[in-house]
Amino acid sequence: MGSSMSAATARRPVFDDKEDVNLDHFQILRAIGKGSFGKVCIVQKRDTEKMYAMKYMNKHQCIERGEVRNVFRELEILQEIEHVFLVNLSSFPPCKAPEIFQSFVNGGTGYSFEVDWWSVGVMAYELLRGWRPYDIHSGNTAESLVQLFSTVSVQYVPTWSKEMVALLRKLLTVNPKHRVSSLQDMQAAPALADVLWTELSEKKVEPGFVPNKGRLHCDPTFELEEMILESRPLHKKKKRLAKNRSRDSSRDSSQSENDYLQDCLDAIQQDFVIFNREKLKRSQDPTSEPLPAPEPGEGTEALADGEGARSALRVCGTICPSAGSG
């Protein structure tokens, strides 16, 4: 047993911690979800065997739908906040707050961070009851949803504790001014009085359920689509890139009808800043070996004052500006 484990350990690849993480560092296990132009799959890092959820997007579809700027904004927010539990729920229609739909109808008054606390309320309600507080689907219009929020009341289960119902009511308050909208408010809620907040933030609390990584815990449709129906599957990316390079080398670039698309792709490739949270944690650990400083000029164009990270994207923005980008 011990010898087999040692042999398995010896077979693990070793990656340089100082290099940027890339697709070759992971083994793709299965697809578990799908969005408008992206998918999520479970991956395992080859050297540490740690499991991760990898979100990947189709760059062509991002360009065609004018979402390039928004994708970069999301990355910038993730880097600035640096929170271990940060998850983007704002693009998931059933979790969107009423004021978001109101802004679609007549401009409304805009919306701010309170929309995220509404999303927390929706997720908490669904975890407790098994379905969402409002019956919302992707086909609903913004007008119908504004009407829904103003006429339909959320139904709470009588067996739930009064403290939990009170917290959910505050999270699912239609008026954002009266909604729970801070971590301090959540920590002060009687329903969460037994939560060990410090231990939770440090990931020291053992989860109540740990899924078996050897079993399928998702809709197999995503897995089948990735393997059979997807025209550009992620697990075929290496072969596809090699084929594209061979084809591109024999093609006269001046005859290409997609130069504008290539400009966008080049801009994305140039300005995409890799953010590695594991590397960040190591750099902040006083007991770890410090990472070497970048060479003069290395990466500075993409990071200085946030201007470099948007410079080449202006090329793409003139072709496919995002909604609301002006």
C-alpha atoms as a PDB file:
ATOM      1  CA  MET A   1       0.000   0.000   0.000  1.00  0.00           C
ATOM      2  CA  GLY A   2       2.755   2.374   1.029  1.00  0.00           C
ATOM      3  CA  SER A   3       4.867   1.596  -2.019  1.00  0.00           C
ATOM      4  CA  SER A   4       1.927   2.162  -4.376  1.00  0.00           C
ATOM      5  CA  MET A   5       1.215   5.532  -2.778  1.00  0.00           C
ATOM      6  CA  SER A   6       4.878   6.487  -3.087  1.00  0.00           C
ATOM      7  CA  ALA A   7       4.850   5.484  -6.738  1.00  0.00           C
ATOM      8  CA  ALA A   8       1.709   7.535  -7.360  1.00  0.00           C
ATOM      9  CA  THR A   9       3.323  10.521  -5.665  1.00  0.00           C
ATOM     10  CA  ALA A  10       6.456  10.081  -7.725  1.00  0.00           C
ATOM     11  CA  ARG A  11       4.417  10.134 -10.921  1.00  0.00           C
ATOM     12  CA  ARG A  12       2.905  13.515 -10.129  1.00  0.00           C
ATOM     13  CA  PRO A  13       4.220  16.290 -12.354  1.00  0.00           C
ATOM     14  CA  VAL A  14       6.066  19.143 -10.728  1.00  0.00           C
ATOM     15  CA  PHE A  15       5.230  22.702 -11.763  1.00  0.00           C
ATOM     16  CA  ASP A  16       7.209  25.812 -10.974  1.00  0.00           C
ATOM     17  CA  ASP A  17       5.251  27.841  -8.400  1.00  0.00           C
ATOM     18  CA  LYS A  18       6.655  31.017  -9.915  1.00  0.00           C
ATOM     19  CA  GLU A  19       5.205  30.460 -13.376  1.00  0.00           C
ATOM     20  CA  ASP A  20       1.678  31.411 -14.380  1.00  0.00           C
ATOM     21  CA  VAL A  21      -0.900  28.690 -14.050  1.00  0.00           C
ATOM     22  CA  ASN A  22      -2.271  27.367 -17.332  1.00  0.00           C
ATOM     23  CA  LEU A  23      -4.555  24.680 -18.719  1.00  0.00           C
ATOM     24  CA  ASP A  24      -1.759  22.101 -18.842  1.00  0.00           C
ATOM     25  CA  HIS A  25      -1.612  22.150 -15.034  1.00  0.00           C
ATOM     26  CA  PHE A  26      -5.083  20.615 -14.740  1.00  0.00           C
ATOM     27  CA  GLN A  27      -6.839  17.394 -15.612  1.00  0.00           C
ATOM     28  CA  ILE A  28     -10.386  18.029 -16.820  1.00  0.00           C
ATOM     29  CA  LEU A  29     -12.787  15.627 -15.119  1.00  0.00           C
ATOM     30  CA  ARG A  30     -16.345  16.575 -16.081  1.00  0.00           C
ATOM     31  CA  ALA A  31     -18.587  19.476 -17.048  1.00  0.00           C
ATOM     32  CA  ILE A  32     -21.096  20.531 -14.378  1.00  0.00           C
ATOM     33  CA  GLY A  33     -22.789  23.686 -15.650  1.00  0.00           C
ATOM     34  CA  LYS A  34     -23.427  25.989 -18.567  1.00  0.00           C
ATOM     35  CA  GLY A  35     -24.052  29.712 -18.975  1.00  0.00           C
ATOM     36  CA  SER A  36     -24.812  32.047 -21.858  1.00  0.00           C
ATOM     37  CA  PHE A  37     -21.327  31.763 -23.373  1.00  0.00           C
ATOM     38  CA  GLY A  38     -19.361  29.824 -20.796  1.00  0.00           C
ATOM     39  CA  LYS A  39     -19.200  26.522 -18.981  1.00  0.00           C
ATOM     40  CA  VAL A  40     -17.963  25.208 -15.654  1.00  0.00           C
ATOM     41  CA  CYS A  41     -16.122  21.945 -15.221  1.00  0.00           C
ATOM     42  CA  ILE A  42     -14.476  20.103 -12.351  1.00  0.00           C
ATOM     43  CA  VAL A  43     -10.701  19.925 -12.725  1.00  0.00           C
ATOM     44  CA  GLN A  44      -7.863  18.474 -10.679  1.00  0.00           C
ATOM     45  CA  LYS A  45      -4.456  20.104 -10.413  1.00  0.00           C
ATOM     46  CA  ARG A  46      -1.966  17.552 -11.580  1.00  0.00           C
ATOM     47  CA  ASP A  47       0.765  18.233  -9.012  1.00  0.00           C
ATOM     48  CA  THR A  48      -1.277  18.763  -5.821  1.00  0.00           C
ATOM     49  CA  GLU A  49      -4.374  16.730  -6.815  1.00  0.00           C
ATOM     50  CA  LYS A  50      -6.555  19.503  -5.400  1.00  0.00           C
ATOM     51  CA  MET A  51      -9.997  19.859  -6.970  1.00  0.00           C
ATOM     52  CA  TYR A  52     -11.259  23.115  -8.473  1.00  0.00           C
ATOM     53  CA  ALA A  53     -14.206  24.397 -10.465  1.00  0.00           C
ATOM     54  CA  MET A  54     -12.927  25.907 -13.722  1.00  0.00           C
ATOM     55  CA  LYS A  55     -15.025  28.458 -15.564  1.00  0.00           C
ATOM     56  CA  TYR A  56     -14.162  28.924 -19.204  1.00  0.00           C
ATOM     57  CA  MET A  57     -15.673  31.100 -21.896  1.00  0.00           C
ATOM     58  CA  ASN A  58     -15.911  31.172 -25.665  1.00  0.00           C
ATOM     59  CA  LYS A  59     -13.987  34.302 -26.666  1.00  0.00           C
ATOM     60  CA  HIS A  60     -15.713  34.523 -30.031  1.00  0.00           C
ATOM     61  CA  GLN A  61     -19.137  34.591 -28.372  1.00  0.00           C
ATOM     62  CA  CYS A  62     -17.953  37.179 -25.831  1.00  0.00           C
ATOM     63  CA  ILE A  63     -16.899  39.417 -28.717  1.00  0.00           C
ATOM     64  CA  GLU A  64     -20.075  38.864 -30.736  1.00  0.00           C
ATOM     65  CA  ARG A  65     -22.283  39.704 -27.735  1.00  0.00           C
ATOM     66  CA  GLY A  66     -20.227  42.703 -26.666  1.00  0.00           C
ATOM     67  CA  GLU A  67     -19.344  41.245 -23.258  1.00  0.00           C
ATOM     68  CA  VAL A  68     -15.561  41.530 -23.366  1.00  0.00           C
ATOM     69  CA  ARG A  69     -15.441  44.619 -21.160  1.00  0.00           C
ATOM     70  CA  ASN A  70     -17.763  43.025 -18.603  1.00  0.00           C
ATOM     71  CA  VAL A  71     -15.631  39.887 -18.427  1.00  0.00           C
ATOM     72  CA  PHE A  72     -12.568  41.998 -17.696  1.00  0.00           C
ATOM     73  CA  ARG A  73     -14.469  44.008 -15.084  1.00  0.00           C
ATOM     74  CA  GLU A  74     -15.366  40.780 -13.310  1.00  0.00           C
ATOM     75  CA  LEU A  75     -11.713  39.755 -13.244  1.00  0.00           C
ATOM     76  CA  GLU A  76     -10.663  43.156 -11.887  1.00  0.00           C
ATOM     77  CA  ILE A  77     -13.261  42.924  -9.108  1.00  0.00           C
ATOM     78  CA  LEU A  78     -12.088  39.433  -8.143  1.00  0.00           C
ATOM     79  CA  GLN A  79      -8.511  40.694  -7.867  1.00  0.00           C
ATOM     80  CA  GLU A  80      -9.388  43.801  -5.869  1.00  0.00           C
ATOM     81  CA  ILE A  81     -11.690  42.152  -3.322  1.00  0.00           C
ATOM     82  CA  GLU A  82      -9.586  39.003  -2.854  1.00  0.00           C
ATOM     83  CA  HIS A  83     -12.288  37.226  -0.840  1.00  0.00           C
ATOM     84  CA  VAL A  84     -12.135  33.443  -0.667  1.00  0.00           C
ATOM     85  CA  PHE A  85     -15.916  33.034  -0.859  1.00  0.00           C
ATOM     86  CA  LEU A  86     -16.637  35.567  -3.595  1.00  0.00           C
ATOM     87  CA  VAL A  87     -19.002  34.129  -6.199  1.00  0.00           C
ATOM     88  CA  ASN A  88     -20.607  36.004  -9.070  1.00  0.00           C
ATOM     89  CA  LEU A  89     -24.419  35.587  -8.874  1.00  0.00           C
ATOM     90  CA  SER A  90     -25.459  38.810 -10.570  1.00  0.00           C
ATOM     91  CA  SER A  91     -25.740  37.259 -14.030  1.00  0.00           C
ATOM     92  CA  PHE A  92     -28.041  34.463 -12.826  1.00  0.00           C
ATOM     93  CA  PRO A  93     -31.588  35.722 -13.630  1.00  0.00           C
ATOM     94  CA  PRO A  94     -33.474  34.068 -10.709  1.00  0.00           C
ATOM     95  CA  CYS A  95     -31.063  35.739  -8.267  1.00  0.00           C
ATOM     96  CA  LYS A  96     -31.301  39.257  -9.673  1.00  0.00           C
ATOM     97  CA  ALA A  97     -32.759  41.909  -7.393  1.00  0.00           C
ATOM     98  CA  PRO A  98     -35.940  43.858  -8.315  1.00  0.00           C
ATOM     99  CA  GLU A  99     -34.083  47.132  -8.853  1.00  0.00           C
ATOM    100  CA  ILE A 100     -32.044  45.536 -11.666  1.00  0.00           C
ATOM    101  CA  PHE A 101     -35.184  44.710 -13.651  1.00  0.00           C
ATOM    102  CA  GLN A 102     -36.617  48.128 -12.813  1.00  0.00           C
ATOM    103  CA  SER A 103     -33.612  49.760 -14.468  1.00  0.00           C
ATOM    104  CA  PHE A 104     -34.326  47.746 -17.617  1.00  0.00           C
ATOM    105  CA  VAL A 105     -37.930  48.979 -17.780  1.00  0.00           C
ATOM    106  CA  ASN A 106     -37.664  52.730 -17.315  1.00  0.00           C
ATOM    107  CA  GLY A 107     -34.120  53.431 -16.238  1.00  0.00           C
ATOM    108  CA  GLY A 108     -35.090  53.292 -12.576  1.00  0.00           C
ATOM    109  CA  THR A 109     -32.730  54.831 -10.060  1.00  0.00           C
ATOM    110  CA  GLY A 110     -29.891  52.408 -10.701  1.00  0.00           C
ATOM    111  CA  TYR A 111     -28.644  49.793  -8.285  1.00  0.00           C
ATOM    112  CA  SER A 112     -25.676  49.122  -6.043  1.00  0.00           C
ATOM    113  CA  PHE A 113     -24.172  46.452  -3.782  1.00  0.00           C
ATOM    114  CA  GLU A 114     -27.538  45.739  -2.146  1.00  0.00           C
ATOM    115  CA  VAL A 115     -28.389  43.498  -5.115  1.00  0.00           C
ATOM    116  CA  ASP A 116     -25.827  40.971  -3.888  1.00  0.00           C
ATOM    117  CA  TRP A 117     -27.610  40.608  -0.554  1.00  0.00           C
ATOM    118  CA  TRP A 118     -30.865  39.914  -2.383  1.00  0.00           C
ATOM    119  CA  SER A 119     -29.011  37.096  -4.190  1.00  0.00           C
ATOM    120  CA  VAL A 120     -27.902  35.717  -0.824  1.00  0.00           C
ATOM    121  CA  GLY A 121     -31.529  35.689   0.303  1.00  0.00           C
ATOM    122  CA  VAL A 122     -32.662  33.833  -2.822  1.00  0.00           C
ATOM    123  CA  MET A 123     -29.955  31.200  -2.412  1.00  0.00           C
ATOM    124  CA  ALA A 124     -30.664  30.780   1.320  1.00  0.00           C
ATOM    125  CA  TYR A 125     -34.385  30.370   0.667  1.00  0.00           C
ATOM    126  CA  GLU A 126     -33.749  27.744  -2.011  1.00  0.00           C
ATOM    127  CA  LEU A 127     -31.355  25.818   0.228  1.00  0.00           C
ATOM    128  CA  LEU A 128     -33.990  25.683   2.965  1.00  0.00           C
ATOM    129  CA  ARG A 129     -37.057  24.938   0.861  1.00  0.00           C
ATOM    130  CA  GLY A 130     -35.813  23.306  -2.314  1.00  0.00           C
ATOM    131  CA  TRP A 131     -37.117  25.948  -4.708  1.00  0.00           C
ATOM    132  CA  ARG A 132     -36.799  29.684  -5.146  1.00  0.00           C
ATOM    133  CA  PRO A 133     -38.996  32.343  -3.544  1.00  0.00           C
ATOM    134  CA  TYR A 134     -40.178  33.575  -6.956  1.00  0.00           C
ATOM    135  CA  ASP A 135     -40.982  31.533 -10.049  1.00  0.00           C
ATOM    136  CA  ILE A 136     -38.607  33.242 -12.480  1.00  0.00           C
ATOM    137  CA  HIS A 137     -37.410  31.873 -15.796  1.00  0.00           C
ATOM    138  CA  SER A 138     -35.121  33.158 -18.529  1.00  0.00           C
ATOM    139  CA  GLY A 139     -38.146  33.815 -20.757  1.00  0.00           C
ATOM    140  CA  ASN A 140     -39.742  36.301 -18.348  1.00  0.00           C
ATOM    141  CA  THR A 141     -39.678  39.930 -19.484  1.00  0.00           C
ATOM    142  CA  ALA A 142     -38.360  42.679 -17.245  1.00  0.00           C
ATOM    143  CA  GLU A 143     -41.831  44.271 -17.185  1.00  0.00           C
ATOM    144  CA  SER A 144     -43.472  41.065 -15.946  1.00  0.00           C
ATOM    145  CA  LEU A 145     -40.871  40.650 -13.220  1.00  0.00           C
ATOM    146  CA  VAL A 146     -41.302  44.214 -11.983  1.00  0.00           C
ATOM    147  CA  GLN A 147     -45.021  43.458 -11.728  1.00  0.00           C
ATOM    148  CA  LEU A 148     -44.278  40.146  -9.999  1.00  0.00           C
ATOM    149  CA  PHE A 149     -42.179  41.724  -7.259  1.00  0.00           C
ATOM    150  CA  SER A 150     -44.840  44.354  -6.576  1.00  0.00           C
ATOM    151  CA  THR A 151     -47.782  41.928  -6.341  1.00  0.00           C
ATOM    152  CA  VAL A 152     -46.501  38.538  -5.139  1.00  0.00           C
ATOM    153  CA  SER A 153     -45.431  37.946  -1.544  1.00  0.00           C
ATOM    154  CA  VAL A 154     -42.827  35.371  -0.563  1.00  0.00           C
ATOM    155  CA  GLN A 155     -44.305  32.370   1.250  1.00  0.00           C
ATOM    156  CA  TYR A 156     -42.414  31.160   4.319  1.00  0.00           C
ATOM    157  CA  VAL A 157     -42.718  27.680   5.805  1.00  0.00           C
ATOM    158  CA  PRO A 158     -44.491  27.721   9.208  1.00  0.00           C
ATOM    159  CA  THR A 159     -42.000  25.242  10.679  1.00  0.00           C
ATOM    160  CA  TRP A 160     -39.050  27.555  10.092  1.00  0.00           C
ATOM    161  CA  SER A 161     -37.806  29.411  13.135  1.00  0.00           C
ATOM    162  CA  LYS A 162     -38.985  32.969  13.615  1.00  0.00           C
ATOM    163  CA  GLU A 163     -35.378  34.120  13.603  1.00  0.00           C
ATOM    164  CA  MET A 164     -34.692  32.546  10.207  1.00  0.00           C
ATOM    165  CA  VAL A 165     -37.887  33.944   8.695  1.00  0.00           C
ATOM    166  CA  ALA A 166     -36.995  37.398  10.016  1.00  0.00           C
ATOM    167  CA  LEU A 167     -33.556  37.197   8.390  1.00  0.00           C
ATOM    168  CA  LEU A 168     -34.962  36.009   5.066  1.00  0.00           C
ATOM    169  CA  ARG A 169     -37.545  38.802   5.088  1.00  0.00           C
ATOM    170  CA  LYS A 170     -34.782  41.364   5.546  1.00  0.00           C
ATOM    171  CA  LEU A 171     -32.712  39.846   2.753  1.00  0.00           C
ATOM    172  CA  LEU A 172     -35.697  39.612   0.385  1.00  0.00           C
ATOM    173  CA  THR A 173     -36.977  43.124   1.001  1.00  0.00           C
ATOM    174  CA  VAL A 174     -37.915  44.671  -2.338  1.00  0.00           C
ATOM    175  CA  ASN A 175     -36.845  48.161  -1.258  1.00  0.00           C
ATOM    176  CA  PRO A 176     -33.020  48.055  -1.158  1.00  0.00           C
ATOM    177  CA  LYS A 177     -32.908  50.837   1.448  1.00  0.00           C
ATOM    178  CA  HIS A 178     -34.560  48.523   3.984  1.00  0.00           C
ATOM    179  CA  ARG A 179     -32.650  45.375   3.014  1.00  0.00           C
ATOM    180  CA  VAL A 180     -29.911  43.721   5.050  1.00  0.00           C
ATOM    181  CA  SER A 181     -26.854  44.953   3.211  1.00  0.00           C
ATOM    182  CA  SER A 182     -23.743  44.416   5.299  1.00  0.00           C
ATOM    183  CA  LEU A 183     -21.786  41.589   6.868  1.00  0.00           C
ATOM    184  CA  GLN A 184     -22.211  43.256  10.243  1.00  0.00           C
ATOM    185  CA  ASP A 185     -25.998  43.020   9.897  1.00  0.00           C
ATOM    186  CA  MET A 186     -25.719  39.334   9.007  1.00  0.00           C
ATOM    187  CA  GLN A 187     -23.424  38.577  11.921  1.00  0.00           C
ATOM    188  CA  ALA A 188     -25.833  40.323  14.295  1.00  0.00           C
ATOM    189  CA  ALA A 189     -28.832  38.282  13.099  1.00  0.00           C
ATOM    190  CA  PRO A 190     -30.172  35.981  15.872  1.00  0.00           C
ATOM    191  CA  ALA A 191     -30.667  33.180  13.332  1.00  0.00           C
ATOM    192  CA  LEU A 192     -26.890  33.037  12.823  1.00  0.00           C
ATOM    193  CA  ALA A 193     -25.850  33.472  16.439  1.00  0.00           C
ATOM    194  CA  ASP A 194     -24.088  30.091  16.555  1.00  0.00           C
ATOM    195  CA  VAL A 195     -21.957  30.683  13.444  1.00  0.00           C
ATOM    196  CA  LEU A 196     -18.214  30.812  14.116  1.00  0.00           C
ATOM    197  CA  TRP A 197     -17.451  33.656  11.738  1.00  0.00           C
ATOM    198  CA  THR A 198     -13.679  33.766  12.190  1.00  0.00           C
ATOM    199  CA  GLU A 199     -13.291  30.018  11.748  1.00  0.00           C
ATOM    200  CA  LEU A 200     -15.633  30.143   8.768  1.00  0.00           C
ATOM    201  CA  SER A 201     -13.610  32.811   6.964  1.00  0.00           C
ATOM    202  CA  GLU A 202     -10.450  30.769   7.568  1.00  0.00           C
ATOM    203  CA  LYS A 203     -12.139  27.614   6.203  1.00  0.00           C
ATOM    204  CA  LYS A 204     -11.731  25.794   9.504  1.00  0.00           C
ATOM    205  CA  VAL A 205     -15.394  24.796   9.767  1.00  0.00           C
ATOM    206  CA  GLU A 206     -16.052  21.291   8.480  1.00  0.00           C
ATOM    207  CA  PRO A 207     -18.857  21.335   5.886  1.00  0.00           C
ATOM    208  CA  GLY A 208     -21.980  19.372   6.656  1.00  0.00           C
ATOM    209  CA  PHE A 209     -21.818  17.591   3.319  1.00  0.00           C
ATOM    210  CA  VAL A 210     -18.771  16.617   1.296  1.00  0.00           C
ATOM    211  CA  PRO A 211     -19.667  15.170  -2.129  1.00  0.00           C
ATOM    212  CA  ASN A 212     -17.953  12.004  -3.247  1.00  0.00           C
ATOM    213  CA  LYS A 213     -15.580  13.076  -6.008  1.00  0.00           C
ATOM    214  CA  GLY A 214     -15.899   9.651  -7.602  1.00  0.00           C
ATOM    215  CA  ARG A 215     -19.619  10.052  -8.249  1.00  0.00           C
ATOM    216  CA  LEU A 216     -21.599  12.293 -10.586  1.00  0.00           C
ATOM    217  CA  HIS A 217     -23.399  15.117  -8.742  1.00  0.00           C
ATOM    218  CA  CYS A 218     -24.755  17.080 -11.681  1.00  0.00           C
ATOM    219  CA  ASP A 219     -26.925  16.873 -14.742  1.00  0.00           C
ATOM    220  CA  PRO A 220     -25.098  14.504 -17.148  1.00  0.00           C
ATOM    221  CA  THR A 221     -26.422  16.580 -20.051  1.00  0.00           C
ATOM    222  CA  PHE A 222     -23.536  19.022 -19.600  1.00  0.00           C
ATOM    223  CA  GLU A 223     -21.000  16.210 -19.732  1.00  0.00           C
ATOM    224  CA  LEU A 224     -22.562  14.646 -22.820  1.00  0.00           C
ATOM    225  CA  GLU A 225     -22.808  18.010 -24.575  1.00  0.00           C
ATOM    226  CA  GLU A 226     -19.155  18.727 -23.931  1.00  0.00           C
ATOM    227  CA  MET A 227     -18.085  15.334 -25.257  1.00  0.00           C
ATOM    228  CA  ILE A 228     -20.505  14.867 -28.163  1.00  0.00           C
ATOM    229  CA  LEU A 229     -22.281  18.065 -29.195  1.00  0.00           C
ATOM    230  CA  GLU A 230     -19.776  20.823 -28.440  1.00  0.00           C
ATOM    231  CA  SER A 231     -18.093  21.896 -31.656  1.00  0.00           C
ATOM    232  CA  ARG A 232     -15.071  23.278 -29.795  1.00  0.00           C
ATOM    233  CA  PRO A 233     -14.685  21.105 -26.664  1.00  0.00           C
ATOM    234  CA  LEU A 234     -12.142  22.164 -24.082  1.00  0.00           C
ATOM    235  CA  HIS A 235     -10.490  18.748 -23.870  1.00  0.00           C
ATOM    236  CA  LYS A 236      -9.680  19.004 -27.603  1.00  0.00           C
ATOM    237  CA  LYS A 237      -8.137  22.455 -27.312  1.00  0.00           C
ATOM    238  CA  LYS A 238      -4.506  21.381 -27.768  1.00  0.00           C
ATOM    239  CA  LYS A 239      -5.219  19.549 -31.015  1.00  0.00           C
ATOM    240  CA  ARG A 240      -7.404  22.414 -32.240  1.00  0.00           C
ATOM    241  CA  LEU A 241      -4.731  25.026 -31.557  1.00  0.00           C
ATOM    242  CA  ALA A 242      -2.105  22.962 -33.345  1.00  0.00           C
ATOM    243  CA  LYS A 243      -4.422  22.563 -36.318  1.00  0.00           C
ATOM    244  CA  ASN A 244      -5.187  26.289 -36.362  1.00  0.00           C
ATOM    245  CA  ARG A 245      -1.497  27.184 -36.296  1.00  0.00           C
ATOM    246  CA  SER A 246      -0.833  24.860 -39.209  1.00  0.00           C
ATOM    247  CA  ARG A 247      -3.755  26.306 -41.163  1.00  0.00           C
ATOM    248  CA  ASP A 248      -2.888  29.911 -40.348  1.00  0.00           C
ATOM    249  CA  SER A 249       0.712  29.469 -41.467  1.00  0.00           C
ATOM    250  CA  SER A 250      -0.450  28.507 -44.951  1.00  0.00           C
ATOM    251  CA  ARG A 251      -3.056  31.270 -45.278  1.00  0.00           C
ATOM    252  CA  ASP A 252      -2.420  34.768 -46.552  1.00  0.00           C
ATOM    253  CA  SER A 253      -3.477  36.988 -43.671  1.00  0.00           C
ATOM    254  CA  SER A 254      -4.254  39.856 -46.066  1.00  0.00           C
ATOM    255  CA  GLN A 255      -7.075  37.781 -47.513  1.00  0.00           C
ATOM    256  CA  SER A 256      -8.715  37.081 -44.183  1.00  0.00           C
ATOM    257  CA  GLU A 257     -12.246  38.377 -43.782  1.00  0.00           C
ATOM    258  CA  ASN A 258     -12.031  38.229 -39.992  1.00  0.00           C
ATOM    259  CA  ASP A 259      -9.233  40.669 -39.276  1.00  0.00           C
ATOM    260  CA  TYR A 260     -11.477  42.613 -36.918  1.00  0.00           C
ATOM    261  CA  LEU A 261     -12.181  39.443 -34.930  1.00  0.00           C
ATOM    262  CA  GLN A 262      -8.502  38.658 -34.744  1.00  0.00           C
ATOM    263  CA  ASP A 263      -7.829  42.187 -33.450  1.00  0.00           C
ATOM    264  CA  CYS A 264     -10.270  41.541 -30.627  1.00  0.00           C
ATOM    265  CA  LEU A 265      -8.730  38.180 -29.819  1.00  0.00           C
ATOM    266  CA  ASP A 266      -5.252  39.713 -29.815  1.00  0.00           C
ATOM    267  CA  ALA A 267      -6.446  42.466 -27.472  1.00  0.00           C
ATOM    268  CA  ILE A 268      -7.912  39.927 -25.067  1.00  0.00           C
ATOM    269  CA  GLN A 269      -4.736  37.859 -25.135  1.00  0.00           C
ATOM    270  CA  GLN A 270      -2.562  40.925 -24.530  1.00  0.00           C
ATOM    271  CA  ASP A 271      -4.538  42.479 -21.692  1.00  0.00           C
ATOM    272  CA  PHE A 272      -5.745  39.408 -19.827  1.00  0.00           C
ATOM    273  CA  VAL A 273      -3.998  39.480 -16.441  1.00  0.00           C
ATOM    274  CA  ILE A 274      -3.678  36.066 -14.806  1.00  0.00           C
ATOM    275  CA  PHE A 275      -4.844  36.146 -11.194  1.00  0.00           C
ATOM    276  CA  ASN A 276      -3.652  33.239  -9.031  1.00  0.00           C
ATOM    277  CA  ARG A 277      -5.202  33.343  -5.561  1.00  0.00           C
ATOM    278  CA  GLU A 278      -2.974  30.509  -4.332  1.00  0.00           C
ATOM    279  CA  LYS A 279       0.127  32.455  -5.344  1.00  0.00           C
ATOM    280  CA  LEU A 280      -1.282  35.572  -3.680  1.00  0.00           C
ATOM    281  CA  LYS A 281      -1.806  33.674  -0.419  1.00  0.00           C
ATOM    282  CA  ARG A 282       1.759  32.397  -0.507  1.00  0.00           C
ATOM    283  CA  SER A 283       3.116  35.883  -1.128  1.00  0.00           C
ATOM    284  CA  GLN A 284       1.187  37.169   1.903  1.00  0.00           C
ATOM    285  CA  ASP A 285       2.428  34.346   4.136  1.00  0.00           C
ATOM    286  CA  PRO A 286       5.415  35.662   6.149  1.00  0.00           C
ATOM    287  CA  THR A 287       6.805  32.119   6.490  1.00  0.00           C
ATOM    288  CA  SER A 288       6.874  31.427   2.756  1.00  0.00           C
ATOM    289  CA  GLU A 289       9.716  32.200   0.388  1.00  0.00           C
ATOM    290  CA  PRO A 290       9.132  35.582  -1.272  1.00  0.00           C
ATOM    291  CA  LEU A 291       8.331  35.564  -4.963  1.00  0.00           C
ATOM    292  CA  PRO A 292      10.833  37.294  -7.250  1.00  0.00           C
ATOM    293  CA  ALA A 293      10.039  40.805  -8.374  1.00  0.00           C
ATOM    294  CA  PRO A 294       9.033  41.139 -12.027  1.00  0.00           C
ATOM    295  CA  GLU A 295      11.607  42.293 -14.515  1.00  0.00           C
ATOM    296  CA  PRO A 296      11.490  45.998 -15.407  1.00  0.00           C
ATOM    297  CA  GLY A 297       8.601  46.560 -17.751  1.00  0.00           C
ATOM    298  CA  GLU A 298       7.276  43.023 -17.328  1.00  0.00           C
ATOM    299  CA  GLY A 299       3.499  43.183 -17.053  1.00  0.00           C
ATOM    300  CA  THR A 300       3.513  46.866 -16.180  1.00  0.00           C
ATOM    301  CA  GLU A 301       1.633  47.855 -19.309  1.00  0.00           C
ATOM    302  CA  ALA A 302      -1.331  45.742 -18.248  1.00  0.00           C
ATOM    303  CA  LEU A 303      -1.435  46.933 -14.652  1.00  0.00           C
ATOM    304  CA  ALA A 304      -0.333  50.547 -14.388  1.00  0.00           C
ATOM    305  CA  ASP A 305      -3.248  52.595 -13.068  1.00  0.00           C
ATOM    306  CA  GLY A 306      -5.609  50.149 -14.738  1.00  0.00           C
ATOM    307  CA  GLU A 307      -5.018  51.989 -18.006  1.00  0.00           C
ATOM    308  CA  GLY A 308      -2.948  49.354 -19.748  1.00  0.00           C
ATOM    309  CA  ALA A 309      -5.554  46.684 -19.039  1.00  0.00           C
ATOM    310  CA  ARG A 310      -8.014  48.677 -21.113  1.00  0.00           C
ATOM    311  CA  SER A 311      -5.822  50.132 -23.850  1.00  0.00           C
ATOM    312  CA  ALA A 312      -5.954  47.324 -26.389  1.00  0.00           C
ATOM    313  CA  LEU A 313      -9.538  46.576 -25.414  1.00  0.00           C
ATOM    314  CA  ARG A 314     -10.507  49.932 -26.884  1.00  0.00           C
ATOM    315  CA  VAL A 315      -9.764  48.370 -30.251  1.00  0.00           C
ATOM    316  CA  CYS A 316     -12.222  45.622 -29.460  1.00  0.00           C
ATOM    317  CA  GLY A 317     -14.669  48.064 -27.889  1.00  0.00           C
ATOM    318  CA  THR A 318     -14.996  50.028 -31.095  1.00  0.00           C
ATOM    319  CA  ILE A 319     -16.186  46.864 -32.782  1.00  0.00           C
ATOM    320  CA  CYS A 320     -18.240  45.216 -30.084  1.00  0.00           C
ATOM    321  CA  PRO A 321     -19.001  47.688 -27.255  1.00  0.00           C
ATOM    322  CA  SER A 322     -20.762  46.252 -24.239  1.00  0.00           C
ATOM    323  CA  ALA A 323     -24.213  47.435 -23.296  1.00  0.00           C
ATOM    324  CA  GLY A 324     -23.971  50.429 -21.070  1.00  0.00           C
ATOM    325  CA  SER A 325     -20.315  51.042 -21.842  1.00  0.00           C
ATOM    326  CA  GLY A 326     -21.122  54.323 -23.509  1.00  0.00           C
END
